[in-house]
Amino acid sequence: MIMYDTIAAIATPIGTGGIAVIRVSGSDAFTICDKIFKSHKGKLLSDAKTHTALFGSVYDENILIDEVLCTVFVAPKSFTSENTVEISCHGGIFVTRRILDCVIKNGARLAMPGEFTKRAFLNGRLDMAQAEAVIDVINAKSTQAASLALSHMKGGLSAMINELREQITDIISEIDAVSDFPEEDFEKITFDEIKERLFSASDKIEKLIKTAERGKIIADGIDTVIAGKPNVGKSSLLNAILLSDRAIVTDIPGTTRDVIEEKVSLGNVSLNIFDTAGIRETDDKIEHIGIEKSKEYINKAELVLFLTDSITGVTEEDKILAGLLENKKTILVINKTDEGENKDICFEGKNFETVHISAKTGDGIAQLLEKIEDMFMLGKITKDDFPVITKTTHKQSLLRAKEFIDSAKSALGVMPDDMISIDLRNAAQSLGEITGIEVSEDVVDKIFSKFCLGK
């Protein structure tokens, strides 16, 4: 594929809206857009200064299509580091696509998914970690997810990875210099000094690896299962959290027979909520299938909201469910506190976090959400925080890097210097995979293919 031809795509969601944006990037972006755009003041886009906008109209062979605002970005001061024009037109499927067709007819090519960001990476505008963070900003479902993605996009993670990689390459160069030129009078470095520096790098990598669980929860949301006996108020709790009537609520036990999935963003907390069938003994084959599916979801959940009834107290059904929650992060949610005298709820051998609520009135829901945030330590992220990783691929690269560094530490003074250098080079390569210094073209293509058109 020719990387430096001129590409174009609609950068905003397809559909009816107030405005839409068509992005054009490449060496001929100004020339192409000047063929279809006429400024109301007669000025050409190719003569405009960077980061300025011109008001005018787009024509298709002298037929007026729309009044637009064209913003000019002169290379390298653009997202792609190429000449770029962003055409802001009235929102609407027909007009937007017609303008895009005009741009393509006059010499541009339709961009592939993620191609603008890919060019930013290939032109050195962003490294791979920053480029991947672009899509995370777009997909962020909570305040925390957006803050973390922006931190990565601005280079927070990259700075740490580059620092670690530089530490390792410095050690490699020192070992190689002494090994290759033993007759030279190099400053004497000891195995203890090298080992201390490798311990420091390994500890930082280990600290990064330990952030992976928190990072995944922030980026992807907490997989949360609402579980309990039939007719305890699970669907009512789901509706209370969503502030809508998503699930059917009746007094008939067994109403929910399949798993209902919803996503909700609540400030710092993003929840992937699964409302499951009530767990009980039943002869109904369909309900039994739903109950077995509930158990599967409970087993995979990152958090279980164990809903009980403050009126009936602990039942045999509650005890059965409690037995399924070994080693599970669980909040015991005691429902129906609005219905009079409340019975104590406790389970032998269990020490669940507890919140009292009324799913009917909404009392206690805010406290429940605060409890979830506290349980997962989702405090505010600041620019001074240690970076948090969110990608499984980043975690895998860090694990490999640590393994190679630990191997090099063990080999010091035992194995030849060139064997130690090989381990450290492999560690540096693993770290370079995160920022894109060490990455194949196939991997680059795969990563950017996951992006949307226009980004």
Protein backbone atom coordinates (compact mmCIF):
# COMPACT_ATOMS: atom_id res chain seq x y z
CA MET A 1 0.00 0.00 0.00
CA ILE A 2 1.21 3.54 -0.77
CA MET A 3 1.46 5.23 2.60
CA TYR A 4 1.85 8.82 1.51
CA ASP A 5 -0.95 9.27 -0.97
CA THR A 6 -3.82 11.52 0.12
CA ILE A 7 -6.59 9.87 2.11
CA ALA A 8 -10.05 10.99 3.20
CA ALA A 9 -12.83 9.76 5.46
CA ILE A 10 -15.78 10.96 7.49
CA ALA A 11 -14.44 11.55 11.01
CA THR A 12 -17.78 11.84 12.80
CA PRO A 13 -20.48 9.18 13.35
CA ILE A 14 -22.66 8.50 10.33
CA GLY A 15 -26.18 9.85 10.74
CA THR A 16 -28.18 13.02 11.22
CA GLY A 17 -26.60 15.68 13.40
CA GLY A 18 -25.73 19.34 13.73
CA ILE A 19 -22.37 19.04 11.99
CA ALA A 20 -20.16 16.42 10.40
CA VAL A 21 -16.43 16.45 9.67
CA ILE A 22 -14.61 15.05 6.63
CA ARG A 23 -10.87 14.66 7.22
CA VAL A 24 -8.40 14.85 4.30
CA SER A 25 -4.69 14.14 4.86
CA GLY A 26 -1.68 13.85 2.57
CA SER A 27 0.66 15.82 0.37
CA ASP A 28 -2.14 16.80 -2.05
CA ALA A 29 -4.78 17.59 0.58
CA PHE A 30 -4.79 21.35 -0.10
CA THR A 31 -4.74 20.98 -3.90
CA ILE A 32 -7.62 18.50 -3.88
CA CYS A 33 -9.78 20.53 -1.51
CA ASP A 34 -9.12 23.75 -3.44
CA LYS A 35 -10.77 22.06 -6.46
CA ILE A 36 -14.10 21.72 -4.66
CA PHE A 37 -13.99 24.51 -2.04
CA LYS A 38 -14.53 28.20 -2.77
CA SER A 39 -13.79 30.60 0.08
CA HIS A 40 -16.29 33.45 0.37
CA LYS A 41 -13.28 35.78 0.47
CA GLY A 42 -11.59 34.14 -2.51
CA LYS A 43 -8.65 32.74 -0.51
CA LEU A 44 -7.14 29.35 -1.36
CA LEU A 45 -6.63 26.68 1.29
CA SER A 46 -3.09 26.17 -0.04
CA ASP A 47 -2.33 29.81 0.85
CA ALA A 48 -3.82 29.68 4.35
CA LYS A 49 -1.73 29.59 7.51
CA THR A 50 -1.76 26.51 9.68
CA HIS A 51 -4.51 26.19 12.29
CA THR A 52 -6.78 28.70 10.54
CA ALA A 53 -10.29 28.25 9.18
CA LEU A 54 -11.92 29.49 5.99
CA PHE A 55 -15.66 29.84 5.48
CA GLY A 56 -17.07 29.03 2.07
CA SER A 57 -18.93 26.49 -0.04
CA VAL A 58 -18.29 23.07 -1.54
CA TYR A 59 -19.22 22.54 -5.19
CA ASP A 60 -19.51 19.44 -7.33
CA GLU A 61 -18.85 20.65 -10.87
CA ASN A 62 -20.36 24.08 -10.11
CA ILE A 63 -23.35 22.56 -8.28
CA LEU A 64 -23.55 23.88 -4.72
CA ILE A 65 -23.49 21.07 -2.15
CA ASP A 66 -23.16 22.87 1.19
CA GLU A 67 -21.76 25.82 3.08
CA VAL A 68 -18.78 24.62 5.11
CA LEU A 69 -15.90 25.65 7.34
CA CYS A 70 -12.48 24.30 6.30
CA THR A 71 -9.75 24.11 8.93
CA VAL A 72 -6.18 23.98 7.63
CA PHE A 73 -3.26 22.16 9.28
CA VAL A 74 0.10 22.58 7.54
CA ALA A 75 2.63 19.73 7.91
CA PRO A 76 4.12 18.80 10.30
CA LYS A 77 1.71 20.63 12.63
CA SER A 78 -1.18 18.21 12.29
CA PHE A 79 -2.33 14.95 13.85
CA THR A 80 -0.81 12.92 11.00
CA SER A 81 2.18 15.27 10.53
CA GLU A 82 0.90 15.71 6.95
CA ASN A 83 -1.00 18.53 5.26
CA THR A 84 -4.55 18.14 6.53
CA VAL A 85 -7.94 19.74 5.86
CA GLU A 86 -10.96 19.15 8.05
CA ILE A 87 -14.22 20.07 6.29
CA SER A 88 -17.01 20.85 8.76
CA CYS A 89 -20.37 20.63 7.03
CA HIS A 90 -23.99 20.28 8.07
CA GLY A 91 -24.68 16.87 9.56
CA GLY A 92 -26.61 14.39 7.47
CA ILE A 93 -25.86 11.20 5.60
CA PHE A 94 -26.45 12.48 2.06
CA VAL A 95 -24.55 15.78 2.22
CA THR A 96 -21.61 14.30 4.13
CA ARG A 97 -21.14 11.41 1.75
CA ARG A 98 -21.51 13.64 -1.29
CA ILE A 99 -18.69 15.89 -0.07
CA LEU A 100 -16.54 12.82 0.62
CA ASP A 101 -17.30 11.54 -2.89
CA CYS A 102 -16.17 14.89 -4.34
CA VAL A 103 -12.88 14.71 -2.43
CA ILE A 104 -12.24 11.17 -3.67
CA LYS A 105 -13.27 12.03 -7.24
CA ASN A 106 -10.64 14.79 -7.25
CA GLY A 107 -7.71 12.59 -6.25
CA ALA A 108 -7.99 11.32 -2.68
CA ARG A 109 -8.37 7.70 -1.61
CA LEU A 110 -10.85 6.44 0.99
CA ALA A 111 -8.91 5.88 4.20
CA MET A 112 -8.84 2.49 5.85
CA PRO A 113 -9.86 2.08 9.52
CA GLY A 114 -7.28 3.73 11.77
CA GLU A 115 -5.17 4.97 8.88
CA PHE A 116 -4.92 8.57 10.11
CA THR A 117 -3.58 7.39 13.47
CA LYS A 118 -1.34 4.86 11.73
CA ARG A 119 0.24 7.68 9.74
CA ALA A 120 0.72 9.65 12.95
CA PHE A 121 2.62 6.63 14.30
CA LEU A 122 4.69 6.04 11.15
CA ASN A 123 5.56 9.74 10.95
CA GLY A 124 6.76 9.78 14.58
CA ARG A 125 3.90 11.94 15.82
CA LEU A 126 2.84 9.22 18.30
CA ASP A 127 4.43 6.03 19.52
CA MET A 128 2.42 2.79 19.63
CA ALA A 129 1.31 3.16 23.25
CA GLN A 130 0.04 6.68 22.52
CA ALA A 131 -1.66 5.57 19.30
CA GLU A 132 -3.49 2.74 21.08
CA ALA A 133 -4.60 5.24 23.72
CA VAL A 134 -6.42 7.26 21.04
CA ILE A 135 -9.04 4.53 20.63
CA ASP A 136 -9.22 4.16 24.41
CA VAL A 137 -10.14 7.85 24.71
CA ILE A 138 -12.88 7.34 22.13
CA ASN A 139 -14.22 4.23 23.88
CA ALA A 140 -13.90 5.51 27.47
CA LYS A 141 -17.00 4.71 29.53
CA SER A 142 -16.14 6.57 32.74
CA THR A 143 -14.22 9.56 34.09
CA GLN A 144 -11.41 7.28 35.22
CA ALA A 145 -11.16 5.49 31.87
CA ALA A 146 -10.96 8.82 30.03
CA SER A 147 -8.32 10.20 32.44
CA LEU A 148 -6.19 7.09 32.14
CA ALA A 149 -6.44 7.00 28.34
CA LEU A 150 -5.52 10.69 28.09
CA SER A 151 -2.53 10.10 30.37
CA HIS A 152 -1.31 7.35 28.04
CA MET A 153 -2.03 9.45 24.94
CA LYS A 154 0.09 12.27 26.36
CA GLY A 155 3.00 9.87 26.87
CA GLY A 156 2.76 8.94 30.55
CA LEU A 157 3.23 5.21 30.00
CA SER A 158 5.69 5.70 27.14
CA ALA A 159 8.00 7.81 29.31
CA MET A 160 8.24 5.02 31.89
CA ILE A 161 8.83 2.33 29.23
CA ASN A 162 11.48 4.44 27.47
CA GLU A 163 13.24 5.09 30.78
CA LEU A 164 13.34 1.36 31.58
CA ARG A 165 14.55 0.50 28.09
CA GLU A 166 17.30 3.10 28.31
CA GLN A 167 18.46 1.68 31.66
CA ILE A 168 18.77 -1.76 30.11
CA THR A 169 20.50 -0.61 26.91
CA ASP A 170 23.02 1.37 29.00
CA ILE A 171 23.92 -1.81 30.88
CA ILE A 172 24.20 -3.72 27.59
CA SER A 173 26.60 -1.14 26.15
CA GLU A 174 28.78 -1.24 29.29
CA ILE A 175 28.93 -5.05 29.32
CA ASP A 176 29.67 -5.20 25.58
CA ALA A 177 32.39 -2.54 25.81
CA VAL A 178 34.28 -4.40 28.52
CA SER A 179 33.80 -7.73 26.73
CA ASP A 180 34.80 -6.49 23.25
CA PHE A 181 37.71 -4.28 24.32
CA PRO A 182 39.25 -5.84 27.44
CA GLU A 183 42.54 -4.00 26.84
CA GLU A 184 40.85 -0.58 27.10
CA ASP A 185 40.89 1.30 30.41
CA PHE A 186 37.10 1.46 31.01
CA GLU A 187 35.73 2.55 34.32
CA LYS A 188 35.46 -0.63 36.37
CA ILE A 189 31.89 -1.87 36.81
CA THR A 190 31.12 -4.70 39.20
CA PHE A 191 28.54 -7.45 39.03
CA ASP A 192 27.00 -6.06 42.20
CA GLU A 193 26.48 -2.65 40.57
CA ILE A 194 24.88 -4.20 37.49
CA LYS A 195 22.71 -6.49 39.60
CA GLU A 196 21.50 -3.52 41.66
CA ARG A 197 20.47 -1.65 38.51
CA LEU A 198 18.74 -4.73 37.14
CA PHE A 199 16.89 -5.19 40.42
CA SER A 200 15.68 -1.58 40.14
CA ALA A 201 14.42 -2.12 36.58
CA SER A 202 12.80 -5.45 37.49
CA ASP A 203 11.02 -3.90 40.48
CA LYS A 204 9.57 -1.10 38.34
CA ILE A 205 8.36 -3.61 35.76
CA GLU A 206 6.79 -5.73 38.49
CA LYS A 207 5.02 -2.65 39.82
CA LEU A 208 3.65 -1.95 36.33
CA ILE A 209 2.47 -5.54 35.95
CA LYS A 210 0.57 -5.28 39.23
CA THR A 211 -1.44 -2.34 37.86
CA ALA A 212 -2.92 -4.52 35.09
CA GLU A 213 -5.96 -5.70 37.06
CA ARG A 214 -6.90 -2.16 38.08
CA GLY A 215 -6.24 -0.91 34.56
CA LYS A 216 -8.49 -3.52 32.98
CA ILE A 217 -11.30 -2.67 35.39
CA ILE A 218 -10.98 1.05 34.70
CA ALA A 219 -10.82 0.63 30.92
CA ASP A 220 -13.31 -2.19 30.41
CA GLY A 221 -15.59 -1.82 33.43
CA ILE A 222 -16.31 -4.19 36.31
CA ASP A 223 -18.09 -7.40 35.32
CA THR A 224 -20.81 -7.34 37.98
CA VAL A 225 -23.39 -10.06 38.60
CA ILE A 226 -26.58 -9.43 40.56
CA ALA A 227 -27.33 -12.77 42.23
CA GLY A 228 -29.92 -13.95 44.70
CA LYS A 229 -32.92 -16.15 45.28
CA PRO A 230 -36.08 -15.67 43.18
CA ASN A 231 -38.23 -12.61 43.86
CA VAL A 232 -35.63 -10.95 46.10
CA GLY A 233 -35.53 -7.81 43.92
CA LYS A 234 -32.64 -8.41 41.51
CA SER A 235 -34.41 -6.86 38.53
CA SER A 236 -35.57 -3.97 40.71
CA LEU A 237 -31.94 -3.37 41.75
CA LEU A 238 -30.85 -3.38 38.10
CA ASN A 239 -33.55 -0.84 37.26
CA ALA A 240 -32.57 1.31 40.26
CA ILE A 241 -28.92 1.40 39.17
CA LEU A 242 -29.86 2.16 35.55
CA LEU A 243 -32.56 4.66 36.55
CA SER A 244 -34.84 2.98 34.01
CA ASP A 245 -37.25 0.04 33.71
CA ARG A 246 -34.87 -2.24 31.83
CA ALA A 247 -35.96 -5.50 33.47
CA ILE A 248 -39.47 -6.86 34.04
CA VAL A 249 -40.46 -6.74 37.71
CA THR A 250 -43.26 -8.98 39.04
CA ASP A 251 -44.13 -10.82 42.25
CA ILE A 252 -43.90 -14.15 40.40
CA PRO A 253 -40.72 -16.11 41.30
CA GLY A 254 -38.66 -17.14 38.27
CA THR A 255 -39.66 -14.23 36.02
CA THR A 256 -36.04 -13.68 34.91
CA ARG A 257 -35.01 -16.82 33.05
CA ASP A 258 -32.12 -15.51 30.97
CA VAL A 259 -29.22 -13.22 31.80
CA ILE A 260 -29.88 -9.52 31.14
CA GLU A 261 -26.74 -7.52 30.36
CA GLU A 262 -26.41 -3.74 30.65
CA LYS A 263 -23.55 -1.24 30.78
CA VAL A 264 -23.72 1.82 32.97
CA SER A 265 -21.26 4.66 33.56
CA LEU A 266 -21.55 6.25 36.96
CA GLY A 267 -18.81 8.85 37.36
CA ASN A 268 -15.62 6.99 38.20
CA VAL A 269 -17.28 3.58 38.01
CA SER A 270 -18.19 1.70 34.84
CA LEU A 271 -20.20 -1.46 35.42
CA ASN A 272 -20.99 -4.32 33.07
CA ILE A 273 -24.06 -5.57 34.95
CA PHE A 274 -25.58 -9.02 34.56
CA ASP A 275 -29.02 -9.62 36.09
CA THR A 276 -29.29 -13.38 36.54
CA ALA A 277 -32.07 -15.88 37.13
CA GLY A 278 -32.92 -16.53 40.77
CA ILE A 279 -31.10 -19.56 42.15
CA ARG A 280 -33.37 -22.25 43.59
CA GLU A 281 -34.40 -25.87 43.09
CA THR A 282 -36.86 -26.12 40.19
CA ASP A 283 -38.49 -28.71 37.93
CA ASP A 284 -38.96 -26.16 35.14
CA LYS A 285 -36.43 -27.11 32.45
CA ILE A 286 -36.18 -23.60 30.98
CA GLU A 287 -35.75 -21.98 34.39
CA HIS A 288 -33.15 -24.65 35.28
CA ILE A 289 -31.09 -23.69 32.21
CA GLY A 290 -31.25 -20.04 33.32
CA ILE A 291 -30.08 -21.00 36.82
CA GLU A 292 -27.11 -22.96 35.46
CA LYS A 293 -26.20 -19.97 33.28
CA SER A 294 -26.42 -17.76 36.40
CA LYS A 295 -23.85 -19.98 38.12
CA GLU A 296 -21.53 -19.66 35.11
CA TYR A 297 -21.73 -15.87 35.22
CA ILE A 298 -21.13 -15.84 38.98
CA ASN A 299 -18.01 -17.95 38.46
CA LYS A 300 -16.62 -15.48 35.87
CA ALA A 301 -17.69 -12.28 37.66
CA GLU A 302 -15.25 -9.72 39.06
CA LEU A 303 -17.90 -8.60 41.55
CA VAL A 304 -21.07 -10.25 42.87
CA LEU A 305 -23.90 -8.20 44.35
CA PHE A 306 -25.43 -10.86 46.62
CA LEU A 307 -29.00 -9.67 47.12
CA THR A 308 -30.91 -10.82 50.20
CA ASP A 309 -34.24 -9.95 51.79
CA SER A 310 -34.30 -8.10 55.11
CA ILE A 311 -37.88 -9.28 55.75
CA THR A 312 -37.48 -13.06 55.36
CA GLY A 313 -33.88 -13.18 56.60
CA VAL A 314 -31.50 -15.99 55.63
CA THR A 315 -33.10 -18.86 53.72
CA GLU A 316 -31.71 -22.18 52.49
CA GLU A 317 -31.54 -20.68 49.01
CA ASP A 318 -29.36 -17.86 50.38
CA LYS A 319 -27.05 -20.40 52.03
CA ILE A 320 -26.66 -22.33 48.78
CA LEU A 321 -25.71 -19.16 46.92
CA ALA A 322 -23.30 -18.06 49.67
CA GLY A 323 -21.49 -21.37 49.17
CA LEU A 324 -20.83 -20.44 45.53
CA LEU A 325 -19.04 -17.23 46.47
CA GLU A 326 -15.73 -18.56 47.79
CA ASN A 327 -12.85 -16.21 46.87
CA LYS A 328 -15.26 -13.86 45.09
CA LYS A 329 -15.36 -10.12 45.65
CA THR A 330 -18.86 -9.87 47.06
CA ILE A 331 -21.09 -7.18 48.49
CA LEU A 332 -24.01 -8.43 50.56
CA VAL A 333 -26.89 -6.18 49.51
CA ILE A 334 -29.77 -6.31 51.98
CA ASN A 335 -32.92 -5.24 50.15
CA LYS A 336 -36.45 -4.18 51.18
CA THR A 337 -35.34 -2.01 54.10
CA ASP A 338 -38.41 0.14 53.43
CA GLU A 339 -40.87 -2.64 54.34
CA GLY A 340 -40.72 -2.59 58.14
CA GLU A 341 -38.79 -4.64 60.70
CA ASN A 342 -35.45 -5.87 59.35
CA LYS A 343 -33.82 -9.17 60.29
CA ASP A 344 -30.08 -9.62 60.76
CA ILE A 345 -28.34 -11.16 57.76
CA CYS A 346 -25.13 -13.09 58.31
CA PHE A 347 -23.52 -16.24 56.95
CA GLU A 348 -21.27 -18.56 58.92
CA GLY A 349 -17.65 -18.30 57.86
CA LYS A 350 -18.36 -15.32 55.59
CA ASN A 351 -17.37 -11.72 56.13
CA PHE A 352 -19.12 -9.92 53.29
CA GLU A 353 -19.08 -6.15 52.83
CA THR A 354 -22.66 -5.09 53.53
CA VAL A 355 -24.98 -2.36 52.24
CA HIS A 356 -28.66 -1.84 53.12
CA ILE A 357 -30.90 -0.65 50.29
CA SER A 358 -34.42 -0.33 49.06
CA ALA A 359 -34.48 -1.09 45.35
CA LYS A 360 -38.05 0.20 45.28
CA THR A 361 -37.30 3.69 46.68
CA GLY A 362 -33.64 3.97 45.66
CA ASP A 363 -32.42 4.41 49.24
CA GLY A 364 -28.86 3.14 49.66
CA ILE A 365 -28.05 2.87 45.93
CA ALA A 366 -25.54 5.74 46.13
CA GLN A 367 -23.85 4.08 49.11
CA LEU A 368 -23.69 0.80 47.18
CA LEU A 369 -21.92 2.45 44.25
CA GLU A 370 -19.48 4.17 46.63
CA LYS A 371 -18.75 0.78 48.19
CA ILE A 372 -17.97 -0.66 44.75
CA GLU A 373 -15.56 2.18 43.99
CA ASP A 374 -13.82 1.76 47.35
CA MET A 375 -13.56 -2.00 46.91
CA PHE A 376 -11.71 -1.63 43.61
CA MET A 377 -9.61 1.33 44.80
CA LEU A 378 -10.69 3.50 41.89
CA GLY A 379 -9.43 6.74 43.35
CA LYS A 380 -8.80 9.77 41.20
CA ILE A 381 -5.90 9.41 38.78
CA THR A 382 -3.46 12.33 38.72
CA LYS A 383 -0.61 13.13 36.37
CA ASP A 384 1.89 12.27 39.11
CA ASP A 385 0.59 8.72 39.60
CA PHE A 386 2.59 5.64 38.60
CA PRO A 387 1.39 4.57 35.13
CA VAL A 388 -1.41 2.01 34.98
CA ILE A 389 -1.47 -0.50 32.11
CA THR A 390 -4.75 -1.49 30.48
CA LYS A 391 -3.71 -3.77 27.60
CA THR A 392 -3.19 -7.51 27.90
CA THR A 393 -0.49 -7.24 25.22
CA HIS A 394 1.39 -4.69 27.34
CA LYS A 395 1.23 -6.99 30.35
CA GLN A 396 2.58 -9.89 28.29
CA SER A 397 5.47 -7.76 27.00
CA LEU A 398 6.30 -6.67 30.55
CA LEU A 399 6.20 -10.25 31.83
CA ARG A 400 8.64 -11.31 29.10
CA ALA A 401 10.92 -8.36 29.84
CA LYS A 402 10.99 -9.20 33.55
CA GLU A 403 11.71 -12.86 32.80
CA PHE A 404 14.71 -11.93 30.64
CA ILE A 405 16.02 -9.45 33.23
CA ASP A 406 15.69 -12.00 36.02
CA SER A 407 17.54 -14.51 33.84
CA ALA A 408 20.33 -11.98 33.30
CA LYS A 409 20.56 -11.34 37.05
CA SER A 410 20.96 -15.06 37.72
CA ALA A 411 23.59 -15.38 34.99
CA LEU A 412 25.85 -12.58 36.28
CA GLY A 413 29.23 -14.03 37.26
CA VAL A 414 28.15 -17.50 36.13
CA MET A 415 27.53 -17.29 32.39
CA PRO A 416 29.63 -15.52 29.71
CA ASP A 417 28.97 -11.81 29.23
CA ASP A 418 27.57 -12.31 25.73
CA MET A 419 24.86 -14.61 27.12
CA ILE A 420 23.88 -11.92 29.62
CA SER A 421 23.72 -9.36 26.81
CA ILE A 422 21.37 -11.62 24.83
CA ASP A 423 18.92 -11.77 27.75
CA LEU A 424 19.06 -8.00 28.19
CA ARG A 425 18.58 -7.39 24.46
CA ASN A 426 15.50 -9.60 24.57
CA ALA A 427 14.24 -7.60 27.55
CA ALA A 428 14.76 -4.32 25.68
CA GLN A 429 12.99 -5.76 22.64
CA SER A 430 10.00 -6.81 24.76
CA LEU A 431 9.71 -3.29 26.17
CA GLY A 432 10.06 -1.85 22.68
CA GLU A 433 6.98 -3.80 21.60
CA ILE A 434 4.87 -1.53 23.84
CA THR A 435 6.02 1.72 22.25
CA GLY A 436 6.37 0.27 18.75
CA ILE A 437 10.16 0.46 18.49
CA GLU A 438 10.26 -3.32 18.13
CA VAL A 439 7.14 -4.35 16.26
CA SER A 440 6.45 -6.05 12.93
CA GLU A 441 4.41 -4.53 10.10
CA ASP A 442 1.79 -7.26 10.53
CA VAL A 443 1.29 -6.31 14.18
CA VAL A 444 1.02 -2.63 13.26
CA ASP A 445 -1.63 -3.42 10.64
CA LYS A 446 -3.57 -5.59 13.10
CA ILE A 447 -3.60 -2.92 15.81
CA PHE A 448 -4.80 -0.10 13.57
CA SER A 449 -7.40 -2.25 11.82
CA LYS A 450 -9.36 -2.18 15.09
CA PHE A 451 -9.81 1.60 14.83
CA CYS A 452 -12.86 3.25 13.32
CA LEU A 453 -12.94 4.98 9.93
CA GLY A 454 -11.81 8.59 10.09
CA LYS A 455 -9.44 8.07 13.03
